[in-house]
Structures are given as C-alpha cells and as structure tokens.
Amino acid sequence: MNYKTAVIRKEHFNAAHRLHNSHWSIEKNQEVFGKCNNPNYHGHNYELEVKVIGFINKDTGYVIDTKILSDLIKTEILDRFDHKNLNLDVLEFKRLNPTAEHIAVVIYNILRAHLSEELELKIKLYETSRNFVEYPIY
C-alpha cells in the first residue's frame, strides 16, 4: 500500500527587516507600516515549518529523508537568513518588501527548486506566535 504522507521539519531563525515602499512618502509608509517602517529596522524570531507531502517510497519507507530535508533547509534558508538584515543582506529582498508573506514565498521558491516534482511543498512561517503565513494555499 502506498499512502500520501506529510513530513514536517520545524526550524528557527532570527532576522531584522524594515517594511517600506520606496514609491511612497515617509508619511504614507508610516501610516501603512507603522513601527515596522523603523529606518533602523526591527527583528523577529521566526519559526519555520517546511511540509513535504508525497507517497511513501516502498524501498526506503520515506517520503523524504529527514536528514536530507534538514540539511537542505540549513544550507538554503538558515545560512542565508539567520542573523541577517533581510533588506540589506539577502539578495531576494533587494527589491522585494520583506513581509512575512514575501519571505514565505521566497523560502518556498528556493526549496521547491531542490525537490523532485512529485513532492508537494508547503511553508508555514511564524513571525510571532500569533501571526503566521502559509504558502501555497490550494
């Protein structure tokens, strides 16, 4: 029997960012983003859940080897984002406002490129314990 199953890896990273739209006035940015528009940035302790969904391999018993998934998240996400200023240090956010929504999509796109097509991928990113984003939704 072959069952579709989800494997979930939970990780943590710390990063600073500033929410800002360069096409808007200072006043409009303050109105929309409030404290998150601080010119000196602000930080979050992000919690990340990476869910890989697929059929259990009959030979290995795995959907994905958790060591492989863990290493992939570390090299592609944590090494890139952890203890970084997202606006200044992460190439993907040079022209993209680093909202939780955008961070989740960027993480998805980075990891998606390293997984086989038959595996589904879902990202859940907690910016705080009460605010989180899921991507994709389908």
C-alpha atoms as a PDB file:
ATOM      1  CA  MET A   1       0.000   0.000   0.000  1.00  0.00           C
ATOM      2  CA  ASN A   2       1.184   3.494  -0.788  1.00  0.00           C
ATOM      3  CA  TYR A   3      -0.072   6.392   1.279  1.00  0.00           C
ATOM      4  CA  LYS A   4       0.371  10.091   0.724  1.00  0.00           C
ATOM      5  CA  THR A   5       2.026  11.420   3.862  1.00  0.00           C
ATOM      6  CA  ALA A   6       3.417  14.724   5.125  1.00  0.00           C
ATOM      7  CA  VAL A   7       6.871  15.128   6.645  1.00  0.00           C
ATOM      8  CA  ILE A   8       7.303  18.371   8.576  1.00  0.00           C
ATOM      9  CA  ARG A   9      10.581  19.948   9.647  1.00  0.00           C
ATOM     10  CA  LYS A  10      10.473  22.822  12.132  1.00  0.00           C
ATOM     11  CA  GLU A  11      13.307  25.356  12.227  1.00  0.00           C
ATOM     12  CA  HIS A  12      14.034  28.739  13.753  1.00  0.00           C
ATOM     13  CA  PHE A  13      15.879  31.817  12.571  1.00  0.00           C
ATOM     14  CA  ASN A  14      16.320  35.415  13.705  1.00  0.00           C
ATOM     15  CA  ALA A  15      16.335  38.268  11.228  1.00  0.00           C
ATOM     16  CA  ALA A  16      15.826  42.002  11.005  1.00  0.00           C
ATOM     17  CA  HIS A  17      13.872  43.866   8.357  1.00  0.00           C
ATOM     18  CA  ARG A  18      12.125  47.088   7.506  1.00  0.00           C
ATOM     19  CA  LEU A  19       8.796  47.230   5.711  1.00  0.00           C
ATOM     20  CA  HIS A  20       8.990  50.107   3.280  1.00  0.00           C
ATOM     21  CA  ASN A  21       7.703  51.078  -0.150  1.00  0.00           C
ATOM     22  CA  SER A  22      10.206  53.399  -1.840  1.00  0.00           C
ATOM     23  CA  HIS A  23       7.473  54.753  -4.145  1.00  0.00           C
ATOM     24  CA  TRP A  24       5.563  56.168  -1.169  1.00  0.00           C
ATOM     25  CA  SER A  25       6.136  59.212   1.006  1.00  0.00           C
ATOM     26  CA  ILE A  26       7.554  58.922   4.518  1.00  0.00           C
ATOM     27  CA  GLU A  27       4.085  59.686   5.849  1.00  0.00           C
ATOM     28  CA  LYS A  28       2.377  57.009   3.759  1.00  0.00           C
ATOM     29  CA  ASN A  29       4.971  54.400   4.814  1.00  0.00           C
ATOM     30  CA  GLN A  30       4.425  55.328   8.466  1.00  0.00           C
ATOM     31  CA  GLU A  31       0.653  55.178   8.028  1.00  0.00           C
ATOM     32  CA  VAL A  32       0.699  51.730   6.407  1.00  0.00           C
ATOM     33  CA  PHE A  33       3.643  50.002   8.129  1.00  0.00           C
ATOM     34  CA  GLY A  34       3.826  51.851  11.467  1.00  0.00           C
ATOM     35  CA  LYS A  35       6.626  50.589  13.734  1.00  0.00           C
ATOM     36  CA  CYS A  36       7.616  48.067  11.065  1.00  0.00           C
ATOM     37  CA  ASN A  37       8.859  51.021   8.977  1.00  0.00           C
ATOM     38  CA  ASN A  38      11.551  51.931  11.520  1.00  0.00           C
ATOM     39  CA  PRO A  39      14.513  53.281   9.463  1.00  0.00           C
ATOM     40  CA  ASN A  40      16.846  51.394  11.830  1.00  0.00           C
ATOM     41  CA  TYR A  41      14.991  48.097  11.222  1.00  0.00           C
ATOM     42  CA  HIS A  42      13.442  45.716  13.742  1.00  0.00           C
ATOM     43  CA  GLY A  43      13.765  41.988  14.322  1.00  0.00           C
ATOM     44  CA  HIS A  44      11.765  38.806  14.671  1.00  0.00           C
ATOM     45  CA  ASN A  45      12.377  35.321  15.984  1.00  0.00           C
ATOM     46  CA  TYR A  46      10.867  33.418  13.065  1.00  0.00           C
ATOM     47  CA  GLU A  47       9.574  29.867  13.365  1.00  0.00           C
ATOM     48  CA  LEU A  48       9.529  27.962  10.104  1.00  0.00           C
ATOM     49  CA  GLU A  49       7.647  24.785   9.247  1.00  0.00           C
ATOM     50  CA  VAL A  50       8.525  23.075   5.996  1.00  0.00           C
ATOM     51  CA  LYS A  51       5.995  20.426   4.971  1.00  0.00           C
ATOM     52  CA  VAL A  52       6.891  17.934   2.249  1.00  0.00           C
ATOM     53  CA  ILE A  53       3.997  15.791   1.025  1.00  0.00           C
ATOM     54  CA  GLY A  54       4.297  12.701  -1.083  1.00  0.00           C
ATOM     55  CA  PHE A  55       3.888   8.960  -1.314  1.00  0.00           C
ATOM     56  CA  ILE A  56       5.931   6.719   0.938  1.00  0.00           C
ATOM     57  CA  ASN A  57       8.737   5.080  -1.014  1.00  0.00           C
ATOM     58  CA  LYS A  58       8.262   1.293  -0.858  1.00  0.00           C
ATOM     59  CA  ASP A  59      12.011   0.648  -0.629  1.00  0.00           C
ATOM     60  CA  THR A  60      13.019   3.250   1.971  1.00  0.00           C
ATOM     61  CA  GLY A  61       9.778   3.861   3.855  1.00  0.00           C
ATOM     62  CA  TYR A  62      10.434   7.603   3.472  1.00  0.00           C
ATOM     63  CA  VAL A  63       8.573  10.411   1.771  1.00  0.00           C
ATOM     64  CA  ILE A  64      11.862  12.283   2.089  1.00  0.00           C
ATOM     65  CA  ASP A  65      14.875  11.510   4.235  1.00  0.00           C
ATOM     66  CA  THR A  66      14.609  13.976   7.140  1.00  0.00           C
ATOM     67  CA  LYS A  67      18.399  14.374   7.230  1.00  0.00           C
ATOM     68  CA  ILE A  68      18.353  15.484   3.591  1.00  0.00           C
ATOM     69  CA  LEU A  69      15.470  17.881   4.314  1.00  0.00           C
ATOM     70  CA  SER A  70      17.219  19.255   7.400  1.00  0.00           C
ATOM     71  CA  ASP A  71      20.474  19.823   5.500  1.00  0.00           C
ATOM     72  CA  LEU A  72      18.619  21.484   2.627  1.00  0.00           C
ATOM     73  CA  ILE A  73      16.838  23.927   4.949  1.00  0.00           C
ATOM     74  CA  LYS A  74      20.089  24.715   6.748  1.00  0.00           C
ATOM     75  CA  THR A  75      22.167  25.418   3.639  1.00  0.00           C
ATOM     76  CA  GLU A  76      19.493  27.129   1.545  1.00  0.00           C
ATOM     77  CA  ILE A  77      17.449  29.018   4.167  1.00  0.00           C
ATOM     78  CA  LEU A  78      19.053  29.254   7.597  1.00  0.00           C
ATOM     79  CA  ASP A  79      22.553  30.064   6.352  1.00  0.00           C
ATOM     80  CA  ARG A  80      21.022  32.719   4.087  1.00  0.00           C
ATOM     81  CA  PHE A  81      18.505  34.306   6.504  1.00  0.00           C
ATOM     82  CA  ASP A  82      19.589  33.664  10.102  1.00  0.00           C
ATOM     83  CA  HIS A  83      21.016  36.694  11.930  1.00  0.00           C
ATOM     84  CA  LYS A  84      20.761  38.769   8.763  1.00  0.00           C
ATOM     85  CA  ASN A  85      19.174  42.053   7.842  1.00  0.00           C
ATOM     86  CA  LEU A  86      16.803  40.814   5.150  1.00  0.00           C
ATOM     87  CA  ASN A  87      16.683  44.177   3.358  1.00  0.00           C
ATOM     88  CA  LEU A  88      20.466  44.543   3.177  1.00  0.00           C
ATOM     89  CA  ASP A  89      21.923  41.022   3.297  1.00  0.00           C
ATOM     90  CA  VAL A  90      19.526  38.840   1.309  1.00  0.00           C
ATOM     91  CA  LEU A  91      19.578  39.266  -2.464  1.00  0.00           C
ATOM     92  CA  GLU A  92      15.918  38.274  -2.891  1.00  0.00           C
ATOM     93  CA  PHE A  93      14.818  41.290  -0.832  1.00  0.00           C
ATOM     94  CA  LYS A  94      16.861  43.975  -2.535  1.00  0.00           C
ATOM     95  CA  ARG A  95      13.712  44.938  -4.496  1.00  0.00           C
ATOM     96  CA  LEU A  96      11.063  42.977  -2.620  1.00  0.00           C
ATOM     97  CA  ASN A  97       9.473  44.209   0.605  1.00  0.00           C
ATOM     98  CA  PRO A  98      10.353  41.522   3.210  1.00  0.00           C
ATOM     99  CA  THR A  99       6.867  40.979   4.596  1.00  0.00           C
ATOM    100  CA  ALA A 100       6.103  37.602   6.154  1.00  0.00           C
ATOM    101  CA  GLU A 101       4.120  36.806   3.009  1.00  0.00           C
ATOM    102  CA  HIS A 102       7.067  37.523   0.719  1.00  0.00           C
ATOM    103  CA  ILE A 103       9.520  35.692   2.994  1.00  0.00           C
ATOM    104  CA  ALA A 104       7.324  32.571   2.871  1.00  0.00           C
ATOM    105  CA  VAL A 105       7.097  32.724  -0.939  1.00  0.00           C
ATOM    106  CA  VAL A 106      10.861  33.224  -1.291  1.00  0.00           C
ATOM    107  CA  ILE A 107      11.551  30.263   1.007  1.00  0.00           C
ATOM    108  CA  TYR A 108       9.110  28.152  -0.988  1.00  0.00           C
ATOM    109  CA  ASN A 109      10.746  29.056  -4.307  1.00  0.00           C
ATOM    110  CA  ILE A 110      14.243  28.351  -3.006  1.00  0.00           C
ATOM    111  CA  LEU A 111      13.320  24.936  -1.591  1.00  0.00           C
ATOM    112  CA  ARG A 112      11.000  23.989  -4.463  1.00  0.00           C
ATOM    113  CA  ALA A 113      13.958  24.127  -6.859  1.00  0.00           C
ATOM    114  CA  HIS A 114      15.700  21.374  -4.852  1.00  0.00           C
ATOM    115  CA  LEU A 115      12.834  18.890  -4.517  1.00  0.00           C
ATOM    116  CA  SER A 116      11.591  16.343  -7.000  1.00  0.00           C
ATOM    117  CA  GLU A 117       8.429  17.290  -8.874  1.00  0.00           C
ATOM    118  CA  GLU A 118       6.331  14.510  -7.337  1.00  0.00           C
ATOM    119  CA  LEU A 119       6.722  16.050  -3.884  1.00  0.00           C
ATOM    120  CA  GLU A 120       4.391  18.819  -2.739  1.00  0.00           C
ATOM    121  CA  LEU A 121       5.795  21.611  -0.598  1.00  0.00           C
ATOM    122  CA  LYS A 122       4.069  23.904   1.889  1.00  0.00           C
ATOM    123  CA  ILE A 123       5.631  26.617   4.014  1.00  0.00           C
ATOM    124  CA  LYS A 124       4.331  27.965   7.313  1.00  0.00           C
ATOM    125  CA  LEU A 125       6.226  30.959   8.678  1.00  0.00           C
ATOM    126  CA  TYR A 126       5.519  32.372  12.131  1.00  0.00           C
ATOM    127  CA  GLU A 127       6.581  35.988  12.534  1.00  0.00           C
ATOM    128  CA  THR A 128       5.174  35.918  16.073  1.00  0.00           C
ATOM    129  CA  SER A 129       3.342  33.205  17.972  1.00  0.00           C
ATOM    130  CA  ARG A 130       0.058  34.800  16.855  1.00  0.00           C
ATOM    131  CA  ASN A 131       0.900  35.895  13.297  1.00  0.00           C
ATOM    132  CA  PHE A 132       1.850  33.433  10.619  1.00  0.00           C
ATOM    133  CA  VAL A 133       1.679  32.883   6.890  1.00  0.00           C
ATOM    134  CA  GLU A 134       1.079  29.709   4.898  1.00  0.00           C
ATOM    135  CA  TYR A 135       2.120  29.270   1.288  1.00  0.00           C
ATOM    136  CA  PRO A 136       0.882  27.965  -1.038  1.00  0.00           C
ATOM    137  CA  ILE A 137      -2.809  27.656  -0.320  1.00  0.00           C
ATOM    138  CA  TYR A 138      -4.619  25.140  -2.508  1.00  0.00           C
END
